Structure formats: C-alpha cells, structure tokens
Amino acid sequence: MRMVSILLLLGAMLAPATAGAAQDREAVAAARATRQGRILPLKEVERRVIPTMKDAQYIGFDLEMPSGIYTLKFLRGGSVIWVDVDGRSGQVIGRTGQ
C-alpha cells in the first residue's frame, strides 16, 4: 500500500512537468511556424481583428498547433467573446459569444 502511495505522489509531481513540457513544445512549434512564414505573427492577427471588436476589451489569445488557429478573447459587458482566426490567412473563421 505504501508503494502505491509513493507512486501516486510521484505521478502527481510529474504531471505538471509533463504538461509544461507539452506547452513548451507547442510554443517552439508556433515560433518555428511563424519564422517559416506558415502562420502570421500574433501582432499581425491582433492588428486585423482588435479594431473590429468595438466596445470590447482584448484580454488575450491562444494558439492551437499544429492547426495554426488563433483564438482571441474579448470581454464585453461581462461576457467573453472568442474569435477564431486562421493563422495562415488572418481570416476570421468563427466567433462565439456576444
């Protein structure tokens, strides 16, 4: 029983490191794709989308790799709005929220 507890504890300690490693790999892949011109830089996507979101506060983004889909997040009147953007073309491909 004690061995099981030790293994569970070790697993719990390693899980955040594994998640962090996956995020690091995704960040490296995103940087490489941007350098190679396969996806637009975040600043370019923001330049295109933020001005279209009148009366909304920009609160951040996510980038899904390997698809290259940016999700920009906005706040308006207490509601979150997610705007999905094709990282290759800069075109808005979806929007959720009001």
N, C-alpha and C. Protein backbone atom coordinates (compact mmCIF):
# COMPACT_ATOMS: atom_id res chain seq x y z
N MET A 1 0.83 -1.20 0.00
CA MET A 1 0.00 0.00 0.00
C MET A 1 0.87 1.26 0.00
N ARG A 2 1.95 1.21 0.76
CA ARG A 2 2.83 2.37 0.83
C ARG A 2 3.45 2.66 -0.54
N MET A 3 3.82 1.60 -1.28
CA MET A 3 4.41 1.76 -2.61
C MET A 3 3.42 2.44 -3.55
N VAL A 4 2.15 2.07 -3.46
CA VAL A 4 1.12 2.70 -4.29
C VAL A 4 1.04 4.19 -3.97
N SER A 5 1.08 4.55 -2.70
CA SER A 5 1.03 5.96 -2.30
C SER A 5 2.22 6.73 -2.84
N ILE A 6 3.38 6.11 -2.78
CA ILE A 6 4.58 6.78 -3.30
C ILE A 6 4.47 6.97 -4.80
N LEU A 7 3.99 5.96 -5.52
CA LEU A 7 3.83 6.08 -6.97
C LEU A 7 2.81 7.15 -7.33
N LEU A 8 1.70 7.21 -6.59
CA LEU A 8 0.70 8.24 -6.84
C LEU A 8 1.28 9.63 -6.60
N LEU A 9 2.06 9.78 -5.55
CA LEU A 9 2.69 11.05 -5.24
C LEU A 9 3.67 11.45 -6.34
N LEU A 10 4.48 10.51 -6.80
CA LEU A 10 5.42 10.79 -7.88
C LEU A 10 4.68 11.18 -9.16
N GLY A 11 3.60 10.47 -9.46
CA GLY A 11 2.80 10.80 -10.64
C GLY A 11 2.23 12.20 -10.56
N ALA A 12 1.75 12.57 -9.38
CA ALA A 12 1.19 13.91 -9.19
C ALA A 12 2.26 14.98 -9.34
N MET A 13 3.46 14.66 -8.91
CA MET A 13 4.55 15.63 -9.02
C MET A 13 5.03 15.78 -10.45
N LEU A 14 4.98 14.71 -11.23
CA LEU A 14 5.47 14.75 -12.61
C LEU A 14 4.44 15.30 -13.59
N ALA A 15 3.16 15.23 -13.27
CA ALA A 15 2.12 15.68 -14.19
C ALA A 15 2.28 17.13 -14.61
N PRO A 16 2.51 18.08 -13.69
CA PRO A 16 2.70 19.46 -14.12
C PRO A 16 3.93 19.63 -15.02
N ALA A 17 4.99 18.88 -14.75
CA ALA A 17 6.18 18.97 -15.59
C ALA A 17 5.88 18.47 -16.99
N THR A 18 5.10 17.40 -17.10
CA THR A 18 4.73 16.87 -18.40
C THR A 18 3.87 17.87 -19.16
N ALA A 19 2.90 18.49 -18.49
CA ALA A 19 2.05 19.50 -19.13
C ALA A 19 2.90 20.69 -19.56
N GLY A 20 3.82 21.11 -18.71
CA GLY A 20 4.70 22.23 -19.05
C GLY A 20 5.57 21.91 -20.25
N ALA A 21 6.07 20.67 -20.33
CA ALA A 21 6.89 20.26 -21.47
C ALA A 21 6.08 20.29 -22.76
N ALA A 22 4.83 19.86 -22.70
CA ALA A 22 3.97 19.89 -23.88
C ALA A 22 3.73 21.32 -24.33
N GLN A 23 3.51 22.22 -23.38
CA GLN A 23 3.32 23.64 -23.73
C GLN A 23 4.58 24.22 -24.34
N ASP A 24 5.73 23.83 -23.80
CA ASP A 24 7.00 24.31 -24.36
C ASP A 24 7.17 23.84 -25.79
N ARG A 25 6.86 22.58 -26.06
CA ARG A 25 6.97 22.06 -27.43
C ARG A 25 6.04 22.80 -28.38
N GLU A 26 4.82 23.09 -27.90
CA GLU A 26 3.86 23.81 -28.73
C GLU A 26 4.34 25.24 -29.01
N ALA A 27 4.94 25.88 -28.01
CA ALA A 27 5.47 27.24 -28.19
C ALA A 27 6.62 27.24 -29.20
N VAL A 28 7.47 26.24 -29.13
CA VAL A 28 8.57 26.13 -30.09
C VAL A 28 8.02 25.91 -31.49
N ALA A 29 7.03 25.05 -31.62
CA ALA A 29 6.42 24.79 -32.93
C ALA A 29 5.77 26.06 -33.49
N ALA A 30 5.12 26.83 -32.63
CA ALA A 30 4.48 28.07 -33.07
C ALA A 30 5.53 29.08 -33.54
N ALA A 31 6.61 29.22 -32.79
CA ALA A 31 7.67 30.15 -33.17
C ALA A 31 8.30 29.73 -34.50
N ARG A 32 8.53 28.45 -34.67
CA ARG A 32 9.11 27.94 -35.92
C ARG A 32 8.16 28.22 -37.09
N ALA A 33 6.87 27.96 -36.90
CA ALA A 33 5.90 28.18 -37.97
C ALA A 33 5.83 29.65 -38.36
N THR A 34 5.95 30.54 -37.38
CA THR A 34 5.94 31.98 -37.65
C THR A 34 7.19 32.38 -38.43
N ARG A 35 8.35 31.91 -37.98
CA ARG A 35 9.61 32.23 -38.68
C ARG A 35 9.60 31.72 -40.11
N GLN A 36 9.03 30.56 -40.33
CA GLN A 36 8.99 29.96 -41.65
C GLN A 36 7.89 30.55 -42.54
N GLY A 37 7.08 31.43 -41.97
CA GLY A 37 6.02 32.07 -42.75
C GLY A 37 4.79 31.20 -42.95
N ARG A 38 4.67 30.13 -42.18
CA ARG A 38 3.49 29.26 -42.31
C ARG A 38 2.29 29.82 -41.58
N ILE A 39 2.51 30.62 -40.53
CA ILE A 39 1.42 31.33 -39.85
C ILE A 39 1.85 32.78 -39.62
N LEU A 40 0.86 33.63 -39.52
CA LEU A 40 1.12 35.04 -39.27
C LEU A 40 1.54 35.27 -37.82
N PRO A 41 2.36 36.28 -37.59
CA PRO A 41 2.69 36.62 -36.21
C PRO A 41 1.45 37.11 -35.46
N LEU A 42 1.43 36.92 -34.16
CA LEU A 42 0.31 37.35 -33.34
C LEU A 42 0.00 38.83 -33.56
N LYS A 43 1.02 39.66 -33.59
CA LYS A 43 0.80 41.12 -33.74
C LYS A 43 0.01 41.43 -35.01
N GLU A 44 0.27 40.70 -36.08
CA GLU A 44 -0.46 40.92 -37.33
C GLU A 44 -1.93 40.50 -37.19
N VAL A 45 -2.16 39.38 -36.55
CA VAL A 45 -3.54 38.92 -36.32
C VAL A 45 -4.27 39.92 -35.44
N GLU A 46 -3.63 40.37 -34.37
CA GLU A 46 -4.24 41.37 -33.49
C GLU A 46 -4.55 42.66 -34.26
N ARG A 47 -3.63 43.10 -35.11
CA ARG A 47 -3.82 44.33 -35.88
C ARG A 47 -5.07 44.24 -36.77
N ARG A 48 -5.36 43.06 -37.25
CA ARG A 48 -6.52 42.87 -38.13
C ARG A 48 -7.83 42.73 -37.36
N VAL A 49 -7.79 42.09 -36.20
CA VAL A 49 -9.03 41.71 -35.51
C VAL A 49 -9.47 42.72 -34.45
N ILE A 50 -8.54 43.19 -33.63
CA ILE A 50 -8.92 44.05 -32.50
C ILE A 50 -9.75 45.26 -32.92
N PRO A 51 -9.39 45.97 -34.00
CA PRO A 51 -10.21 47.13 -34.37
C PRO A 51 -11.66 46.79 -34.75
N THR A 52 -11.92 45.54 -35.09
CA THR A 52 -13.28 45.15 -35.47
C THR A 52 -14.17 44.87 -34.26
N MET A 53 -13.56 44.80 -33.08
CA MET A 53 -14.29 44.45 -31.87
C MET A 53 -14.62 45.71 -31.06
N LYS A 54 -15.51 46.50 -31.57
CA LYS A 54 -15.90 47.75 -30.93
C LYS A 54 -16.44 47.50 -29.52
N ASP A 55 -16.08 48.36 -28.61
CA ASP A 55 -16.57 48.32 -27.22
C ASP A 55 -16.22 47.02 -26.49
N ALA A 56 -15.21 46.30 -26.97
CA ALA A 56 -14.79 45.06 -26.28
C ALA A 56 -13.34 45.22 -25.85
N GLN A 57 -13.03 44.68 -24.71
CA GLN A 57 -11.66 44.72 -24.18
C GLN A 57 -10.95 43.44 -24.58
N TYR A 58 -9.80 43.57 -25.20
CA TYR A 58 -8.98 42.42 -25.58
C TYR A 58 -8.30 41.87 -24.33
N ILE A 59 -8.47 40.56 -24.08
CA ILE A 59 -7.92 40.00 -22.84
C ILE A 59 -6.89 38.90 -23.08
N GLY A 60 -6.64 38.52 -24.31
CA GLY A 60 -5.60 37.52 -24.54
C GLY A 60 -5.90 36.62 -25.72
N PHE A 61 -5.04 35.62 -25.88
CA PHE A 61 -5.17 34.72 -27.03
C PHE A 61 -4.68 33.33 -26.66
N ASP A 62 -5.04 32.38 -27.51
CA ASP A 62 -4.48 31.03 -27.52
C ASP A 62 -4.09 30.75 -28.96
N LEU A 63 -3.11 29.89 -29.14
CA LEU A 63 -2.73 29.44 -30.48
C LEU A 63 -2.70 27.93 -30.46
N GLU A 64 -3.52 27.33 -31.27
CA GLU A 64 -3.60 25.88 -31.37
C GLU A 64 -2.65 25.41 -32.48
N MET A 65 -1.71 24.57 -32.08
CA MET A 65 -0.80 23.99 -33.05
C MET A 65 -1.09 22.50 -33.13
N PRO A 66 -1.02 21.88 -34.25
CA PRO A 66 -0.41 22.34 -35.48
C PRO A 66 -1.38 23.03 -36.44
N SER A 67 -2.66 23.19 -36.05
CA SER A 67 -3.64 23.79 -36.97
C SER A 67 -3.35 25.25 -37.28
N GLY A 68 -2.68 25.96 -36.36
CA GLY A 68 -2.39 27.37 -36.58
C GLY A 68 -3.60 28.27 -36.38
N ILE A 69 -4.56 27.83 -35.58
CA ILE A 69 -5.75 28.62 -35.31
C ILE A 69 -5.52 29.47 -34.06
N TYR A 70 -5.59 30.78 -34.24
CA TYR A 70 -5.54 31.71 -33.11
C TYR A 70 -6.95 31.87 -32.56
N THR A 71 -7.09 31.93 -31.25
CA THR A 71 -8.37 32.29 -30.63
C THR A 71 -8.11 33.53 -29.79
N LEU A 72 -8.65 34.66 -30.24
CA LEU A 72 -8.52 35.91 -29.50
C LEU A 72 -9.72 36.04 -28.58
N LYS A 73 -9.46 36.46 -27.34
CA LYS A 73 -10.52 36.54 -26.33
C LYS A 73 -10.78 38.00 -25.99
N PHE A 74 -12.06 38.34 -25.93
CA PHE A 74 -12.51 39.70 -25.63
C PHE A 74 -13.55 39.66 -24.52
N LEU A 75 -13.68 40.77 -23.84
CA LEU A 75 -14.68 40.92 -22.79
C LEU A 75 -15.55 42.12 -23.13
N ARG A 76 -16.86 41.90 -23.15
CA ARG A 76 -17.81 42.99 -23.41
C ARG A 76 -19.02 42.80 -22.52
N GLY A 77 -19.27 43.78 -21.64
CA GLY A 77 -20.44 43.73 -20.77
C GLY A 77 -20.51 42.49 -19.91
N GLY A 78 -19.39 42.01 -19.44
CA GLY A 78 -19.37 40.83 -18.59
C GLY A 78 -19.41 39.50 -19.34
N SER A 79 -19.45 39.55 -20.66
CA SER A 79 -19.47 38.32 -21.47
C SER A 79 -18.16 38.16 -22.21
N VAL A 80 -17.70 36.92 -22.30
CA VAL A 80 -16.49 36.63 -23.05
C VAL A 80 -16.85 36.30 -24.49
N ILE A 81 -16.07 36.83 -25.41
CA ILE A 81 -16.25 36.57 -26.84
C ILE A 81 -14.95 35.94 -27.34
N TRP A 82 -15.05 34.82 -28.03
CA TRP A 82 -13.89 34.16 -28.62
C TRP A 82 -13.97 34.34 -30.13
N VAL A 83 -12.89 34.82 -30.72
CA VAL A 83 -12.82 34.99 -32.17
C VAL A 83 -11.72 34.07 -32.69
N ASP A 84 -12.11 33.11 -33.52
CA ASP A 84 -11.14 32.17 -34.11
C ASP A 84 -10.64 32.73 -35.44
N VAL A 85 -9.32 32.69 -35.61
CA VAL A 85 -8.68 33.27 -36.78
C VAL A 85 -7.74 32.24 -37.39
N ASP A 86 -7.84 32.06 -38.70
CA ASP A 86 -6.91 31.19 -39.42
C ASP A 86 -5.54 31.87 -39.41
N GLY A 87 -4.57 31.24 -38.78
CA GLY A 87 -3.24 31.82 -38.66
C GLY A 87 -2.49 31.93 -39.98
N ARG A 88 -2.91 31.20 -40.99
CA ARG A 88 -2.25 31.27 -42.29
C ARG A 88 -2.72 32.48 -43.08
N SER A 89 -4.03 32.74 -43.05
CA SER A 89 -4.59 33.81 -43.88
C SER A 89 -4.96 35.07 -43.10
N GLY A 90 -5.14 34.92 -41.78
CA GLY A 90 -5.59 36.06 -40.98
C GLY A 90 -7.10 36.27 -41.03
N GLN A 91 -7.82 35.37 -41.69
CA GLN A 91 -9.26 35.50 -41.82
C GLN A 91 -9.99 34.96 -40.57
N VAL A 92 -11.02 35.68 -40.14
CA VAL A 92 -11.85 35.21 -39.04
C VAL A 92 -12.65 34.01 -39.54
N ILE A 93 -12.58 32.90 -38.80
CA ILE A 93 -13.27 31.69 -39.23
C ILE A 93 -14.37 31.28 -38.27
N GLY A 94 -14.50 31.99 -37.16
CA GLY A 94 -15.56 31.68 -36.22
C GLY A 94 -15.59 32.66 -35.08
N ARG A 95 -16.75 32.71 -34.43
CA ARG A 95 -16.92 33.62 -33.29
C ARG A 95 -17.95 33.02 -32.36
N THR A 96 -17.63 33.06 -31.06
CA THR A 96 -18.53 32.53 -30.06
C THR A 96 -18.73 33.59 -28.98
N GLY A 97 -19.96 33.78 -28.54
CA GLY A 97 -20.25 34.76 -27.51
C GLY A 97 -20.82 36.03 -28.12
N GLN A 98 -21.18 36.96 -27.20
CA GLN A 98 -21.82 38.18 -27.68
C GLN A 98 -21.06 39.36 -27.22
